[in-house]
C-alpha atoms as a PDB file:
ATOM      1  CA  LYS A   1    -138.526-204.008 -66.548  1.00  0.00           C
ATOM      2  CA  ASP A   2    -139.144-202.540 -69.934  1.00  0.00           C
ATOM      3  CA  LYS A   3    -138.186-204.254 -73.205  1.00  0.00           C
ATOM      4  CA  VAL A   4    -135.139-202.037 -73.765  1.00  0.00           C
ATOM      5  CA  GLN A   5    -133.602-202.942 -70.393  1.00  0.00           C
ATOM      6  CA  GLU A   6    -134.361-206.622 -70.986  1.00  0.00           C
ATOM      7  CA  GLU A   7    -132.629-206.488 -74.378  1.00  0.00           C
ATOM      8  CA  ILE A   8    -129.561-204.778 -72.921  1.00  0.00           C
ATOM      9  CA  GLU A   9    -129.343-207.382 -70.147  1.00  0.00           C
ATOM     10  CA  SER A  10    -129.771-210.185 -72.697  1.00  0.00           C
ATOM     11  CA  ILE A  11    -126.839-208.801 -74.695  1.00  0.00           C
ATOM     12  CA  ARG A  12    -124.726-208.538 -71.532  1.00  0.00           C
ATOM     13  CA  GLU A  13    -125.537-212.116 -70.527  1.00  0.00           C
ATOM     14  CA  SER A  14    -124.782-213.490 -73.979  1.00  0.00           C
ATOM     15  CA  LYS A  15    -121.336-211.880 -73.853  1.00  0.00           C
ATOM     16  CA  ALA A  16    -122.010-210.558 -77.376  1.00  0.00           C
ATOM     17  CA  LEU A  17    -120.795-207.222 -76.125  1.00  0.00           C
ATOM     18  CA  VAL A  18    -117.762-206.991 -73.862  1.00  0.00           C
ATOM     19  CA  GLU A  19    -119.136-204.192 -71.710  1.00  0.00           C
ATOM     20  CA  ILE A  20    -122.022-201.779 -71.854  1.00  0.00           C
ATOM     21  CA  PRO A  21    -121.323-198.658 -69.789  1.00  0.00           C
ATOM     22  CA  LYS A  22    -123.949-197.915 -67.117  1.00  0.00           C
ATOM     23  CA  TYR A  23    -125.184-194.833 -68.971  1.00  0.00           C
ATOM     24  CA  THR A  24    -125.784-196.664 -72.261  1.00  0.00           C
ATOM     25  CA  GLU A  25    -129.290-196.493 -73.594  1.00  0.00           C
ATOM     26  CA  PHE A  26    -130.842-198.505 -76.388  1.00  0.00           C
ATOM     27  CA  PHE A  27    -130.601-195.563 -78.786  1.00  0.00           C
ATOM     28  CA  GLY A  28    -126.875-195.031 -78.380  1.00  0.00           C
ATOM     29  CA  VAL A  29    -123.966-194.447 -76.101  1.00  0.00           C
ATOM     30  CA  ILE A  30    -124.295-190.753 -75.391  1.00  0.00           C
ATOM     31  CA  PRO A  31    -123.990-189.986 -71.659  1.00  0.00           C
ATOM     32  CA  GLN A  32    -127.209-188.751 -70.053  1.00  0.00           C
ATOM     33  CA  GLU A  33    -125.678-185.353 -69.169  1.00  0.00           C
ATOM     34  CA  SER A  34    -124.914-184.809 -72.868  1.00  0.00           C
ATOM     35  CA  ARG A  35    -128.403-186.010 -73.871  1.00  0.00           C
ATOM     36  CA  ASN A  36    -129.892-183.422 -71.526  1.00  0.00           C
ATOM     37  CA  VAL A  37    -127.984-180.651 -73.349  1.00  0.00           C
ATOM     38  CA  LEU A  38    -128.907-182.002 -76.793  1.00  0.00           C
ATOM     39  CA  ASN A  39    -132.607-182.343 -76.009  1.00  0.00           C
ATOM     40  CA  ARG A  40    -133.265-179.206 -74.016  1.00  0.00           C
ATOM     41  CA  LYS A  41    -135.787-176.807 -75.457  1.00  0.00           C
ATOM     42  CA  ILE A  42    -134.247-173.674 -76.939  1.00  0.00           C
ATOM     43  CA  PRO A  43    -135.079-170.563 -74.909  1.00  0.00           C
ATOM     44  CA  SER A  44    -137.176-168.160 -76.996  1.00  0.00           C
ATOM     45  CA  GLN A  45    -134.544-165.390 -76.822  1.00  0.00           C
ATOM     46  CA  PHE A  46    -132.241-167.585 -78.949  1.00  0.00           C
ATOM     47  CA  ILE A  47    -134.794-168.219 -81.705  1.00  0.00           C
ATOM     48  CA  TYR A  48    -134.757-165.752 -84.606  1.00  0.00           C
ATOM     49  CA  THR A  49    -136.852-165.403 -87.751  1.00  0.00           C
ATOM     50  CA  LYS A  50    -136.045-164.547 -91.341  1.00  0.00           C
ATOM     51  CA  PRO A  51    -137.985-164.457 -94.614  1.00  0.00           C
ATOM     52  CA  GLY A  52    -137.988-167.796 -96.431  1.00  0.00           C
ATOM     53  CA  ARG A  53    -138.973-169.088 -99.831  1.00  0.00           C
ATOM     54  CA  GLY A  54    -142.531-168.496-100.937  1.00  0.00           C
ATOM     55  CA  GLY A  55    -143.093-165.710 -98.433  1.00  0.00           C
ATOM     56  CA  LEU A  56    -142.781-168.025 -95.424  1.00  0.00           C
ATOM     57  CA  GLU A  57    -141.194-166.851 -92.197  1.00  0.00           C
ATOM     58  CA  LEU A  58    -138.538-169.298 -90.992  1.00  0.00           C
ATOM     59  CA  SER A  59    -137.334-169.774 -87.433  1.00  0.00           C
ATOM     60  CA  TYR A  60    -133.648-170.460 -86.819  1.00  0.00           C
ATOM     61  CA  ILE A  61    -130.932-170.463 -84.163  1.00  0.00           C
ATOM     62  CA  SER A  62    -127.506-168.913 -84.537  1.00  0.00           C
ATOM     63  CA  ILE A  63    -124.442-171.002 -85.245  1.00  0.00           C
ATOM     64  CA  GLY A  64    -123.015-169.684 -81.972  1.00  0.00           C
ATOM     65  CA  TYR A  65    -125.847-171.350 -80.031  1.00  0.00           C
ATOM     66  CA  VAL A  66    -125.176-174.662 -81.806  1.00  0.00           C
ATOM     67  CA  VAL A  67    -121.403-174.538 -81.238  1.00  0.00           C
ATOM     68  CA  ASN A  68    -121.946-173.658 -77.576  1.00  0.00           C
ATOM     69  CA  ALA A  69    -124.369-176.594 -77.142  1.00  0.00           C
ATOM     70  CA  LEU A  70    -121.935-179.018 -78.836  1.00  0.00           C
ATOM     71  CA  ASN A  71    -119.099-177.740 -76.619  1.00  0.00           C
ATOM     72  CA  GLU A  72    -121.282-178.111 -73.526  1.00  0.00           C
ATOM     73  CA  ALA A  73    -122.369-181.631 -74.490  1.00  0.00           C
ATOM     74  CA  PHE A  74    -119.056-183.016 -75.801  1.00  0.00           C
ATOM     75  CA  GLY A  75    -116.221-180.660 -74.856  1.00  0.00           C
ATOM     76  CA  GLU A  76    -113.336-181.035 -77.294  1.00  0.00           C
ATOM     77  CA  PHE A  77    -114.546-184.443 -78.476  1.00  0.00           C
ATOM     78  CA  TRP A  78    -116.328-183.197 -81.611  1.00  0.00           C
ATOM     79  CA  ASN A  79    -115.142-182.142 -85.047  1.00  0.00           C
ATOM     80  CA  PHE A  80    -116.807-180.685 -88.129  1.00  0.00           C
ATOM     81  CA  GLU A  81    -115.523-181.028 -91.684  1.00  0.00           C
ATOM     82  CA  VAL A  82    -116.909-179.231 -94.722  1.00  0.00           C
ATOM     83  CA  GLU A  83    -116.734-180.137 -98.378  1.00  0.00           C
ATOM     84  CA  PRO A  84    -117.935-177.693-101.049  1.00  0.00           C
ATOM     85  CA  ILE A  85    -120.282-179.326-103.545  1.00  0.00           C
ATOM     86  CA  VAL A  86    -120.268-178.423-107.236  1.00  0.00           C
ATOM     87  CA  PRO A  87    -118.741-174.923-107.199  1.00  0.00           C
ATOM     88  CA  GLU A  88    -120.452-174.274-110.557  1.00  0.00           C
ATOM     89  CA  ILE A  89    -123.655-173.879-108.554  1.00  0.00           C
ATOM     90  CA  ILE A  90    -122.433-170.343-107.822  1.00  0.00           C
ATOM     91  CA  LYS A  91    -123.622-169.455-111.326  1.00  0.00           C
ATOM     92  CA  SER A  92    -127.174-170.404-110.307  1.00  0.00           C
ATOM     93  CA  GLY A  93    -126.955-168.099-107.316  1.00  0.00           C
ATOM     94  CA  HIS A  94    -126.393-170.717-104.577  1.00  0.00           C
ATOM     95  CA  VAL A  95    -123.493-172.543-102.968  1.00  0.00           C
ATOM     96  CA  VAL A  96    -123.839-175.972-101.365  1.00  0.00           C
ATOM     97  CA  THR A  97    -121.634-177.762 -98.847  1.00  0.00           C
ATOM     98  CA  LYS A  98    -121.658-181.217 -97.314  1.00  0.00           C
ATOM     99  CA  GLY A  99    -120.849-181.183 -93.628  1.00  0.00           C
ATOM    100  CA  THR A 100    -119.715-184.094 -91.477  1.00  0.00           C
ATOM    101  CA  LEU A 101    -120.069-183.830 -87.692  1.00  0.00           C
ATOM    102  CA  THR A 102    -118.005-186.427 -85.835  1.00  0.00           C
ATOM    103  CA  ILE A 103    -118.299-186.967 -82.094  1.00  0.00           C
ATOM    104  CA  LYS A 104    -116.030-189.235 -80.112  1.00  0.00           C
ATOM    105  CA  ILE A 105    -117.549-190.412 -76.876  1.00  0.00           C
ATOM    106  CA  PRO A 106    -114.965-191.014 -74.105  1.00  0.00           C
ATOM    107  CA  ASN A 107    -115.916-194.735 -73.974  1.00  0.00           C
ATOM    108  CA  GLY A 108    -114.594-195.143 -77.538  1.00  0.00           C
ATOM    109  CA  ALA A 109    -117.832-194.878 -79.496  1.00  0.00           C
ATOM    110  CA  CYS A 110    -117.961-192.582 -82.517  1.00  0.00           C
ATOM    111  CA  ILE A 111    -121.051-190.833 -83.870  1.00  0.00           C
ATOM    112  CA  VAL A 112    -121.056-189.384 -87.397  1.00  0.00           C
ATOM    113  CA  LYS A 113    -123.821-187.220 -88.899  1.00  0.00           C
ATOM    114  CA  GLN A 114    -123.803-185.736 -92.415  1.00  0.00           C
ATOM    115  CA  GLN A 115    -126.038-183.092 -93.940  1.00  0.00           C
ATOM    116  CA  PHE A 116    -126.002-180.582 -96.767  1.00  0.00           C
ATOM    117  CA  GLY A 117    -126.160-176.830 -96.277  1.00  0.00           C
ATOM    118  CA  SER A 118    -126.774-174.053 -98.765  1.00  0.00           C
ATOM    119  CA  SER A 119    -126.663-170.307 -99.031  1.00  0.00           C
ATOM    120  CA  ALA A 120    -127.651-167.768-101.626  1.00  0.00           C
ATOM    121  CA  VAL A 121    -124.699-165.991-103.218  1.00  0.00           C
ATOM    122  CA  LYS A 122    -124.826-162.270-102.476  1.00  0.00           C
ATOM    123  CA  PHE A 123    -124.153-159.969-105.433  1.00  0.00           C
ATOM    124  CA  TYR A 124    -123.286-156.290-105.678  1.00  0.00           C
ATOM    125  CA  LYS A 125    -126.206-154.162-106.839  1.00  0.00           C
ATOM    126  CA  ALA A 126    -126.327-151.101-109.051  1.00  0.00           C
ATOM    127  CA  PRO A 127    -125.093-148.393-108.946  1.00  0.00           C
ATOM    128  CA  ASN A 128    -121.976-150.149-107.561  1.00  0.00           C
ATOM    129  CA  PRO A 129    -119.404-150.527-110.365  1.00  0.00           C
ATOM    130  CA  ASN A 130    -119.174-154.243-109.452  1.00  0.00           C
ATOM    131  CA  ALA A 131    -122.930-154.771-109.888  1.00  0.00           C
ATOM    132  CA  GLY A 132    -123.724-158.377-110.788  1.00  0.00           C
ATOM    133  CA  LYS A 133    -120.475-159.757-109.340  1.00  0.00           C
ATOM    134  CA  PRO A 134    -120.389-161.851-106.142  1.00  0.00           C
ATOM    135  CA  ILE A 135    -119.517-159.818-103.030  1.00  0.00           C
ATOM    136  CA  ASP A 136    -117.622-162.573-101.164  1.00  0.00           C
ATOM    137  CA  VAL A 137    -118.230-166.200-102.110  1.00  0.00           C
ATOM    138  CA  GLY A 138    -116.113-167.243 -99.101  1.00  0.00           C
ATOM    139  CA  ASP A 139    -118.726-165.734 -96.788  1.00  0.00           C
ATOM    140  CA  ASP A 140    -121.445-167.540 -98.727  1.00  0.00           C
ATOM    141  CA  PHE A 141    -119.627-170.868 -98.273  1.00  0.00           C
ATOM    142  CA  LYS A 142    -119.216-170.151 -94.542  1.00  0.00           C
ATOM    143  CA  SER A 143    -122.956-169.540 -94.347  1.00  0.00           C
ATOM    144  CA  ALA A 144    -123.638-172.839 -96.161  1.00  0.00           C
ATOM    145  CA  ALA A 145    -121.239-174.636 -93.797  1.00  0.00           C
ATOM    146  CA  SER A 146    -123.055-173.146 -90.783  1.00  0.00           C
ATOM    147  CA  ASP A 147    -126.344-174.357 -92.260  1.00  0.00           C
ATOM    148  CA  ALA A 148    -124.891-177.882 -92.632  1.00  0.00           C
ATOM    149  CA  LEU A 149    -123.590-177.902 -89.032  1.00  0.00           C
ATOM    150  CA  LYS A 150    -126.970-176.784 -87.673  1.00  0.00           C
ATOM    151  CA  LYS A 151    -128.675-179.568 -89.637  1.00  0.00           C
ATOM    152  CA  CYS A 152    -126.166-182.175 -88.385  1.00  0.00           C
ATOM    153  CA  ALA A 153    -126.650-180.982 -84.815  1.00  0.00           C
ATOM    154  CA  SER A 154    -130.438-181.203 -85.222  1.00  0.00           C
ATOM    155  CA  LEU A 155    -130.049-184.939 -85.895  1.00  0.00           C
ATOM    156  CA  LEU A 156    -128.642-185.189 -82.370  1.00  0.00           C
ATOM    157  CA  GLY A 157    -131.488-183.107 -80.929  1.00  0.00           C
ATOM    158  CA  ILE A 158    -130.136-179.532 -80.904  1.00  0.00           C
ATOM    159  CA  GLY A 159    -132.890-177.319 -82.271  1.00  0.00           C
ATOM    160  CA  LYS A 160    -135.052-180.284 -83.200  1.00  0.00           C
ATOM    161  CA  GLU A 161    -138.174-178.247 -82.517  1.00  0.00           C
ATOM    162  CA  LEU A 162    -137.233-175.953 -85.410  1.00  0.00           C
ATOM    163  CA  TYR A 163    -136.386-178.663 -87.942  1.00  0.00           C
ATOM    164  CA  PHE A 164    -138.882-181.315 -86.872  1.00  0.00           C
ATOM    165  CA  LYS A 165    -142.165-179.658 -85.995  1.00  0.00           C
ATOM    166  CA  ASP A 166    -143.665-182.944 -84.729  1.00  0.00           C
ATOM    167  CA  ALA A 167    -140.681-183.793 -82.497  1.00  0.00           C
ATOM    168  CA  ASP A 168    -142.561-183.106 -79.261  1.00  0.00           C
ATOM    169  CA  LEU A 169    -145.605-185.121 -80.402  1.00  0.00           C
ATOM    170  CA  ILE A 170    -143.421-188.079 -81.371  1.00  0.00           C
ATOM    171  CA  GLU A 171    -141.493-187.878 -78.097  1.00  0.00           C
ATOM    172  CA  LYS A 172    -144.731-187.830 -76.070  1.00  0.00           C
ATOM    173  CA  SER A 173    -146.245-190.736 -78.030  1.00  0.00           C
ATOM    174  CA  ASN A 174    -143.100-192.829 -77.412  1.00  0.00           C
ATOM    175  CA  LYS A 175    -143.570-192.387 -73.649  1.00  0.00           C
ATOM    176  CA  ILE A 176    -147.136-193.698 -73.698  1.00  0.00           C
END
């Protein structure tokens, strides 16, 4: 037996925990079927690129992919709440949100992940008579909220290869 299984059995025997479901792993209580969805590699046709700061090219996945993966992994047992942070930031050209992803596992466990998301405010350009004014700050906040949800989901494994470039190396080294 490995150390993780021994520790779980020790907890069971000590009655410190009333019951550990069969699918429980040391790292949490997420069912294996859901873990498979969270940790699967993203097919290349769902990975896009966009220009980033400093001339870098950034890879990303769409919010639709993330929502679909969360639905597949947890059904209706997840929720996402968004809180705008310092609306005055709009003046600097960016909006920021704090997102909270909450997942309720059918066995009663609850997982909560929080992350910040941001988006550049889009402004009208000349010769438009509204040049210099924001086009639609609501859309910018939605974009920031999507960014926060994608970051929360990455903490569960969705798109980890985009956010954590060494994720595969770490995963392989943990199996050695």
